[in-house]
Amino acid sequence: MKVGVVQMRPIFGAVEENIDRAISIIGQVSSDLWVLPELFATGYQFRLAAEARSLAEPVLGGLTVSRLIEAARKFDAFICAGLPEIDRGRVYNAAVLVGPDGLVARYRKIHLFYHEKEIFSPGDLPFPVVDIGLAKVGMMICFDHFFPEAARTLAIRGAQVIAHPANLVMPIYAQLTMRVRALENGVFTATANRVGEESRTDEALHFTGESQIVSPSGEILVSLSPTEERAESVVIDPLEASNKALNAYNDRLGDRRPGFYET
């Protein structure tokens, strides 16, 4: 199968324009599974929680997810993307996985970063893994990469590919940790970061780009630039992520000894 990442520069608040841009970029390259950035259609730097609420959408029936499903049908692909979700009065930093037949899974960011704690409710759904037929796909969002338990949970639940929408502002960190997450869990990881800047408060944010796809051996299969809008995909064999052996004696998951780990 092909896995691809989309790197783009959203315009804050221009939801329809950003969705159009993302779909246009996807249309330039073929892939079976696309990963778009975190909050790809709204932008990231909300001044207040009320601002995020004004741009948040329900997953079912909302504009963003409906347009993503249309795109999935058009390109006969699966798409993972981030959005602000509103549900029962709460706003979450969320991600969805959609396919030609509709919504496949959703996830709400568990580890909120910096001012996100003032904007969003913490995630309340478990880390999801779903079988899309081509592979078993798990989801996490941005700062989740800093917590090895996130990717490990997805691996234990059978993920072969971890889709990782992100809006990264710390250089190098996630590109490094996601290589480690791929290697220590024996999975493919696909991190879709955004580029550009947002200066909507007195603290300017510079997004670092360098979206990447990594193999279960930690090899970087795709690495994009720090500044360019672009989509790129690569052919992978998901079955490589089913073999957790390091050698004849050691297995990345089988050798775990949870009884000695603190929780």
Protein backbone atom coordinates (compact mmCIF):
# COMPACT_ATOMS: atom_id res chain seq x y z
CA MET A 1 0.00 0.00 0.00
CA LYS A 2 0.97 3.66 -0.25
CA VAL A 3 1.11 5.96 2.78
CA GLY A 4 1.34 9.72 2.29
CA VAL A 5 1.73 12.91 4.32
CA VAL A 6 0.38 16.35 3.44
CA GLN A 7 2.34 19.41 4.56
CA MET A 8 0.45 22.70 4.22
CA ARG A 9 0.18 26.30 5.43
CA PRO A 10 -3.37 26.94 6.70
CA ILE A 11 -4.83 30.43 6.85
CA PHE A 12 -6.33 30.93 10.30
CA GLY A 13 -10.12 30.74 10.26
CA ALA A 14 -10.41 30.18 6.48
CA VAL A 15 -11.90 26.73 6.86
CA GLU A 16 -13.32 26.17 3.38
CA GLU A 17 -10.23 27.62 1.71
CA ASN A 18 -7.95 25.41 3.79
CA ILE A 19 -9.99 22.31 3.01
CA ASP A 20 -9.88 23.15 -0.70
CA ARG A 21 -6.12 23.60 -0.47
CA ALA A 22 -5.60 20.28 1.30
CA ILE A 23 -7.71 18.40 -1.25
CA SER A 24 -5.84 20.11 -4.08
CA ILE A 25 -2.49 19.04 -2.64
CA ILE A 26 -3.73 15.46 -2.16
CA GLY A 27 -4.82 15.39 -5.80
CA GLN A 28 -1.22 15.86 -6.94
CA VAL A 29 -0.01 12.46 -5.68
CA SER A 30 -1.62 9.04 -5.25
CA SER A 31 -1.83 7.24 -1.91
CA ASP A 32 -4.03 4.71 -0.13
CA LEU A 33 -3.74 6.48 3.23
CA TRP A 34 -3.19 10.21 3.67
CA VAL A 35 -2.26 11.98 6.90
CA LEU A 36 -3.00 15.73 7.16
CA PRO A 37 -1.81 18.08 9.92
CA GLU A 38 -3.46 18.76 13.25
CA LEU A 39 -6.22 21.43 13.01
CA PHE A 40 -5.48 21.61 9.28
CA ALA A 41 -8.63 23.55 8.33
CA THR A 42 -8.83 26.13 11.13
CA GLY A 43 -5.29 27.04 12.00
CA TYR A 44 -3.81 26.55 15.45
CA GLN A 45 -3.31 29.71 17.49
CA PHE A 46 -6.65 30.40 19.14
CA ARG A 47 -6.67 33.48 21.35
CA LEU A 48 -9.45 32.22 23.61
CA ALA A 49 -11.46 29.08 24.21
CA ALA A 50 -14.49 30.89 22.78
CA GLU A 51 -12.66 31.34 19.49
CA ALA A 52 -11.99 27.62 19.23
CA ARG A 53 -15.61 26.95 20.09
CA SER A 54 -16.76 29.22 17.27
CA LEU A 55 -14.75 27.16 14.75
CA ALA A 56 -15.39 23.73 16.26
CA GLU A 57 -17.64 21.26 14.44
CA PRO A 58 -19.39 18.01 15.22
CA VAL A 59 -17.66 15.05 13.62
CA LEU A 60 -20.86 13.61 12.24
CA GLY A 61 -22.45 16.03 9.80
CA GLY A 62 -19.81 18.73 10.16
CA LEU A 63 -18.38 20.50 7.13
CA THR A 64 -14.78 19.34 7.52
CA VAL A 65 -15.50 15.65 7.94
CA SER A 66 -18.13 15.70 5.19
CA ARG A 67 -15.63 17.25 2.77
CA LEU A 68 -12.94 14.77 3.78
CA ILE A 69 -15.30 11.87 3.10
CA GLU A 70 -16.07 13.33 -0.33
CA ALA A 71 -12.34 13.53 -1.02
CA ALA A 72 -11.80 9.96 0.20
CA ARG A 73 -14.42 8.78 -2.28
CA LYS A 74 -12.94 10.86 -5.09
CA PHE A 75 -9.41 9.55 -4.55
CA ASP A 76 -10.44 6.07 -3.31
CA ALA A 77 -8.30 6.57 -0.24
CA PHE A 78 -8.38 6.87 3.53
CA ILE A 79 -7.65 10.25 5.12
CA CYS A 80 -6.60 11.07 8.70
CA ALA A 81 -6.83 14.74 9.68
CA GLY A 82 -7.12 16.97 12.73
CA LEU A 83 -9.96 19.34 13.62
CA PRO A 84 -11.57 21.05 16.61
CA GLU A 85 -14.52 18.87 17.58
CA ILE A 86 -17.52 20.02 19.61
CA ASP A 87 -19.53 17.39 21.40
CA ARG A 88 -22.03 17.86 24.25
CA GLY A 89 -20.74 21.34 24.95
CA ARG A 90 -17.05 20.42 25.09
CA VAL A 91 -14.39 21.29 22.51
CA TYR A 92 -11.64 18.78 21.77
CA ASN A 93 -8.48 18.80 19.71
CA ALA A 94 -9.50 15.79 17.65
CA ALA A 95 -8.56 13.69 14.65
CA VAL A 96 -10.67 11.56 12.37
CA LEU A 97 -9.97 8.72 9.98
CA VAL A 98 -12.36 8.59 7.04
CA GLY A 99 -12.66 6.41 3.96
CA PRO A 100 -14.81 6.07 0.87
CA ASP A 101 -17.62 4.62 3.00
CA GLY A 102 -17.54 7.37 5.64
CA LEU A 103 -16.19 7.87 9.14
CA VAL A 104 -13.92 5.04 10.31
CA ALA A 105 -12.60 6.31 13.66
CA ARG A 106 -12.10 9.39 15.80
CA TYR A 107 -9.63 10.33 18.52
CA ARG A 108 -9.38 13.23 20.98
CA LYS A 109 -5.91 14.44 21.95
CA ILE A 110 -5.02 13.11 25.37
CA HIS A 111 -1.81 15.06 25.99
CA LEU A 112 -2.57 18.76 25.54
CA PHE A 113 0.39 21.04 24.82
CA TYR A 114 1.03 24.45 26.41
CA HIS A 115 -1.91 26.89 25.90
CA GLU A 116 -4.06 24.07 24.52
CA LYS A 117 -4.88 23.36 28.17
CA GLU A 118 -6.73 26.71 28.24
CA ILE A 119 -8.52 26.05 24.93
CA PHE A 120 -9.55 22.39 24.77
CA SER A 121 -10.99 19.72 27.03
CA PRO A 122 -8.59 16.79 27.52
CA GLY A 123 -9.28 13.76 25.37
CA ASP A 124 -11.62 11.14 26.78
CA LEU A 125 -11.44 8.39 24.15
CA PRO A 126 -8.95 5.50 24.04
CA PHE A 127 -6.20 5.36 21.44
CA PRO A 128 -7.93 3.81 18.41
CA VAL A 129 -6.69 1.09 16.07
CA VAL A 130 -8.83 0.16 13.06
CA ASP A 131 -8.38 -2.29 10.23
CA ILE A 132 -8.89 -0.49 6.91
CA GLY A 133 -8.31 -3.68 4.94
CA LEU A 134 -4.86 -2.64 3.73
CA ALA A 135 -3.42 -2.21 7.21
CA LYS A 136 -4.28 -1.69 10.85
CA VAL A 137 -4.05 2.05 11.51
CA GLY A 138 -3.69 3.80 14.85
CA MET A 139 -3.99 7.51 15.61
CA MET A 140 -2.27 9.97 17.92
CA ILE A 141 -1.91 13.77 17.75
CA CYS A 142 1.17 15.98 17.95
CA PHE A 143 2.39 16.19 21.59
CA ASP A 144 1.30 12.57 22.18
CA HIS A 145 4.67 11.74 20.60
CA PHE A 146 6.42 12.80 23.82
CA PHE A 147 4.75 9.98 25.73
CA PRO A 148 6.03 6.52 24.73
CA GLU A 149 2.93 4.96 26.29
CA ALA A 150 0.81 6.40 23.47
CA ALA A 151 2.57 4.65 20.60
CA ARG A 152 3.15 1.53 22.71
CA THR A 153 -0.57 1.28 23.43
CA LEU A 154 -1.31 1.52 19.70
CA ALA A 155 1.29 -1.15 18.94
CA ILE A 156 -0.09 -3.50 21.59
CA ARG A 157 -3.54 -3.02 20.06
CA GLY A 158 -2.17 -4.15 16.71
CA ALA A 159 -1.38 -0.95 14.82
CA GLN A 160 0.90 -1.42 11.84
CA VAL A 161 0.81 2.25 10.84
CA ILE A 162 0.54 5.16 13.28
CA ALA A 163 -1.04 8.26 11.73
CA HIS A 164 0.24 11.35 13.51
CA PRO A 165 -1.32 14.73 12.60
CA ALA A 166 0.80 17.49 14.13
CA ASN A 167 1.42 21.24 14.45
CA LEU A 168 5.00 21.12 15.69
CA VAL A 169 6.78 24.22 16.95
CA MET A 170 9.76 22.59 18.70
CA PRO A 171 12.52 21.79 16.20
CA ILE A 172 13.79 18.24 15.80
CA TYR A 173 11.99 16.74 18.81
CA ALA A 174 9.10 14.93 17.14
CA GLN A 175 11.11 13.96 14.08
CA LEU A 176 13.51 12.23 16.47
CA THR A 177 10.99 10.73 18.87
CA MET A 178 8.77 9.38 16.09
CA ARG A 179 11.77 7.52 14.67
CA VAL A 180 12.24 6.02 18.11
CA ARG A 181 8.51 5.22 18.42
CA ALA A 182 8.68 3.40 15.08
CA LEU A 183 11.80 1.48 16.07
CA GLU A 184 10.84 0.54 19.62
CA ASN A 185 7.38 -0.64 18.56
CA GLY A 186 8.18 -2.06 15.13
CA VAL A 187 5.58 0.07 13.33
CA PHE A 188 5.39 2.56 10.48
CA THR A 189 4.80 6.16 11.59
CA ALA A 190 3.48 9.00 9.42
CA THR A 191 3.82 12.49 10.91
CA ALA A 192 2.10 15.29 8.97
CA ASN A 193 3.25 18.68 10.21
CA ARG A 194 2.32 22.15 8.96
CA VAL A 195 4.53 25.03 7.85
CA GLY A 196 4.38 28.80 8.18
CA GLU A 197 3.79 31.12 11.14
CA GLU A 198 0.92 32.38 13.25
CA SER A 199 1.26 35.58 15.28
CA ARG A 200 -2.22 36.10 16.63
CA THR A 201 -1.00 36.74 20.19
CA ASP A 202 2.15 38.31 21.58
CA GLU A 203 3.84 34.93 21.14
CA ALA A 204 4.62 34.14 17.50
CA LEU A 205 4.56 30.46 16.52
CA HIS A 206 6.85 29.09 13.82
CA PHE A 207 5.80 25.66 12.54
CA THR A 208 8.72 23.44 11.65
CA GLY A 209 7.50 21.28 8.75
CA GLU A 210 9.78 18.29 8.08
CA SER A 211 6.85 15.89 7.88
CA GLN A 212 8.08 12.33 7.69
CA ILE A 213 7.27 8.66 7.24
CA VAL A 214 9.40 6.14 9.13
CA SER A 215 9.76 2.37 8.79
CA PRO A 216 9.68 -0.20 11.64
CA SER A 217 13.49 -0.24 11.53
CA GLY A 218 13.64 3.52 12.16
CA GLU A 219 14.55 4.35 8.56
CA ILE A 220 13.21 7.67 7.26
CA LEU A 221 11.30 6.84 4.08
CA VAL A 222 9.93 10.35 3.41
CA SER A 223 11.19 13.66 4.77
CA LEU A 224 9.77 16.99 3.61
CA SER A 225 11.30 20.45 3.83
CA PRO A 226 10.88 22.87 6.76
CA THR A 227 8.93 25.37 4.64
CA GLU A 228 7.30 23.85 1.53
CA GLU A 229 3.66 22.90 1.01
CA ARG A 230 3.76 19.43 -0.44
CA ALA A 231 2.33 15.92 -0.47
CA GLU A 232 4.48 12.83 -0.79
CA SER A 233 3.74 9.12 -0.49
CA VAL A 234 5.75 5.91 -0.35
CA VAL A 235 4.99 2.24 -0.85
CA ILE A 236 5.15 0.18 2.34
CA ASP A 237 4.45 -3.43 3.28
CA PRO A 238 2.34 -3.35 6.48
CA LEU A 239 3.34 -6.96 7.21
CA GLU A 240 6.80 -5.65 8.13
CA ALA A 241 5.12 -4.21 11.22
CA SER A 242 3.77 -7.61 12.25
CA ASN A 243 7.22 -9.01 13.02
CA LYS A 244 8.42 -7.64 16.37
CA ALA A 245 11.52 -9.84 16.60
CA LEU A 246 14.93 -8.22 16.96
CA ASN A 247 16.77 -11.52 16.81
CA ALA A 248 16.18 -15.19 17.61
CA TYR A 249 15.88 -14.38 21.32
CA ASN A 250 14.35 -10.93 21.61
CA ASP A 251 10.92 -9.54 20.72
CA ARG A 252 9.94 -5.89 21.12
CA LEU A 253 6.56 -6.70 22.62
CA GLY A 254 7.04 -10.29 23.78
CA ASP A 255 9.95 -9.36 26.07
CA ARG A 256 7.97 -6.74 27.95
CA ARG A 257 7.65 -7.28 31.72
CA PRO A 258 4.74 -5.03 32.73
CA GLY A 259 4.77 -6.25 36.31
CA PHE A 260 7.96 -4.24 36.86
CA TYR A 261 6.74 -1.04 35.24
CA GLU A 262 5.20 1.78 37.26
CA THR A 263 1.97 3.26 35.94
